[in-house]
C-alpha atoms as a PDB file:
ATOM      1  CA  MET A   1     -13.953   5.792   2.226  1.00  0.00           C
ATOM      2  CA  LYS A   2     -13.230   4.587  -1.483  1.00  0.00           C
ATOM      3  CA  PRO A   3      -9.655   6.107  -2.216  1.00  0.00           C
ATOM      4  CA  PRO A   4      -9.102   6.499  -5.852  1.00  0.00           C
ATOM      5  CA  VAL A   5      -6.980   4.134  -7.830  1.00  0.00           C
ATOM      6  CA  GLY A   6      -3.171   4.965  -7.615  1.00  0.00           C
ATOM      7  CA  SER A   7      -3.705   6.494  -4.057  1.00  0.00           C
ATOM      8  CA  TYR A   8      -1.113   5.557  -1.291  1.00  0.00           C
ATOM      9  CA  VAL A   9      -3.110   4.304   1.869  1.00  0.00           C
ATOM     10  CA  VAL A  10      -2.457   2.448   4.844  1.00  0.00           C
ATOM     11  CA  ASP A  11      -4.622  -0.690   5.810  1.00  0.00           C
ATOM     12  CA  GLY A  12      -5.599  -0.163   9.342  1.00  0.00           C
ATOM     13  CA  GLY A  13      -6.333  -4.003   9.819  1.00  0.00           C
ATOM     14  CA  SER A  14      -2.854  -4.915   8.992  1.00  0.00           C
ATOM     15  CA  GLY A  15      -0.724  -1.613   9.257  1.00  0.00           C
ATOM     16  CA  ARG A  16       0.897  -2.045   5.835  1.00  0.00           C
ATOM     17  CA  LEU A  17       0.972   0.747   3.213  1.00  0.00           C
ATOM     18  CA  GLY A  18      -0.408   0.121  -0.091  1.00  0.00           C
ATOM     19  CA  ILE A  19      -1.278   1.430  -3.421  1.00  0.00           C
ATOM     20  CA  VAL A  20      -4.743   1.232  -4.364  1.00  0.00           C
ATOM     21  CA  MET A  21      -5.026  -1.052  -7.710  1.00  0.00           C
ATOM     22  CA  GLY A  22      -8.921  -1.297  -7.642  1.00  0.00           C
ATOM     23  CA  HIS A  23     -12.252  -1.751  -5.986  1.00  0.00           C
ATOM     24  CA  GLU A  24     -13.552  -5.290  -5.840  1.00  0.00           C
ATOM     25  CA  GLY A  25     -17.113  -5.756  -4.222  1.00  0.00           C
ATOM     26  CA  PRO A  26     -16.866  -4.320  -0.781  1.00  0.00           C
ATOM     27  CA  TYR A  27     -12.971  -4.430  -0.643  1.00  0.00           C
ATOM     28  CA  VAL A  28     -10.050  -2.194  -1.796  1.00  0.00           C
ATOM     29  CA  GLN A  29      -7.482  -3.934  -3.581  1.00  0.00           C
ATOM     30  CA  LEU A  30      -3.883  -2.988  -2.423  1.00  0.00           C
ATOM     31  CA  ARG A  31      -0.419  -3.770  -3.701  1.00  0.00           C
ATOM     32  CA  PRO A  32       2.787  -3.047  -1.682  1.00  0.00           C
ATOM     33  CA  TYR A  33       4.923  -0.163  -2.594  1.00  0.00           C
ATOM     34  CA  GLY A  34       7.428  -1.723  -4.831  1.00  0.00           C
ATOM     35  CA  GLY A  35       5.082  -4.310  -6.360  1.00  0.00           C
ATOM     36  CA  GLY A  36       4.211  -7.837  -5.025  1.00  0.00           C
ATOM     37  CA  LYS A  37       1.242  -9.664  -4.089  1.00  0.00           C
ATOM     38  CA  GLU A  38      -2.155  -7.963  -3.764  1.00  0.00           C
ATOM     39  CA  TRP A  39      -4.478  -8.120  -0.760  1.00  0.00           C
ATOM     40  CA  ASP A  40      -8.053  -7.074  -0.015  1.00  0.00           C
ATOM     41  CA  ALA A  41      -8.555  -4.419   2.801  1.00  0.00           C
ATOM     42  CA  GLU A  42     -11.904  -3.192   4.062  1.00  0.00           C
ATOM     43  CA  PRO A  43     -12.709   0.439   3.189  1.00  0.00           C
ATOM     44  CA  GLY A  44     -13.583   1.462   6.651  1.00  0.00           C
ATOM     45  CA  VAL A  45     -10.007   0.745   7.860  1.00  0.00           C
ATOM     46  CA  VAL A  46      -8.323   2.079   4.953  1.00  0.00           C
ATOM     47  CA  ARG A  47      -6.886   5.998   5.233  1.00  0.00           C
ATOM     48  CA  ARG A  48      -4.532   7.959   3.169  1.00  0.00           C
ATOM     49  CA  ALA A  49      -0.724   7.461   4.111  1.00  0.00           C
ATOM     50  CA  THR A  50       1.061  10.607   5.377  1.00  0.00           C
ATOM     51  CA  PRO A  51       4.204  11.999   3.374  1.00  0.00           C
ATOM     52  CA  ALA A  52       6.335  10.477   6.258  1.00  0.00           C
ATOM     53  CA  GLU A  53       4.776   6.792   5.745  1.00  0.00           C
ATOM     54  CA  ARG A  54       5.150   7.402   1.962  1.00  0.00           C
ATOM     55  CA  LEU A  55       8.988   8.170   2.464  1.00  0.00           C
ATOM     56  CA  SER A  56       9.386   5.519   4.699  1.00  0.00           C
ATOM     57  CA  ALA A  57       7.891   2.870   2.363  1.00  0.00           C
ATOM     58  CA  ALA A  58      10.157   4.086  -0.420  1.00  0.00           C
ATOM     59  CA  THR A  59      13.206   4.193   1.689  1.00  0.00           C
ATOM     60  CA  ALA A  60      12.630   0.450   2.718  1.00  0.00           C
ATOM     61  CA  TYR A  61      12.192  -0.417  -0.794  1.00  0.00           C
ATOM     62  CA  ALA A  62      15.283   1.194  -1.879  1.00  0.00           C
ATOM     63  CA  ASN A  63      17.227  -0.292   0.837  1.00  0.00           C
ATOM     64  CA  ALA A  64      15.849  -3.780  -0.041  1.00  0.00           C
ATOM     65  CA  ARG A  65      16.666  -3.235  -3.553  1.00  0.00           C
ATOM     66  CA  SER A  66      20.277  -2.186  -2.711  1.00  0.00           C
ATOM     67  CA  ARG A  67      20.666  -5.456  -0.707  1.00  0.00           C
ATOM     68  CA  GLY A  68      19.457  -7.699  -3.687  1.00  0.00           C
ATOM     69  CA  GLU A  69      16.148  -8.655  -1.893  1.00  0.00           C
ATOM     70  CA  VAL A  70      14.032  -7.492  -4.802  1.00  0.00           C
ATOM     71  CA  PRO A  71      14.356  -7.384  -8.572  1.00  0.00           C
END
């Protein structure tokens, strides 16, 4: 699967939700919701995030911001 740039996906290898930033070589480049360091995921283990997973990530980010843990 080669998801489009900007889509929300779950890396099945790590279980992390990320936003597709690009494709480099055989990998999909992902960035955490809300920003942070990109990581490479294998396309075969990446799947589209469900609406519930996207909402959970947005909620976690909003909570972290309210606690002052992210800029």
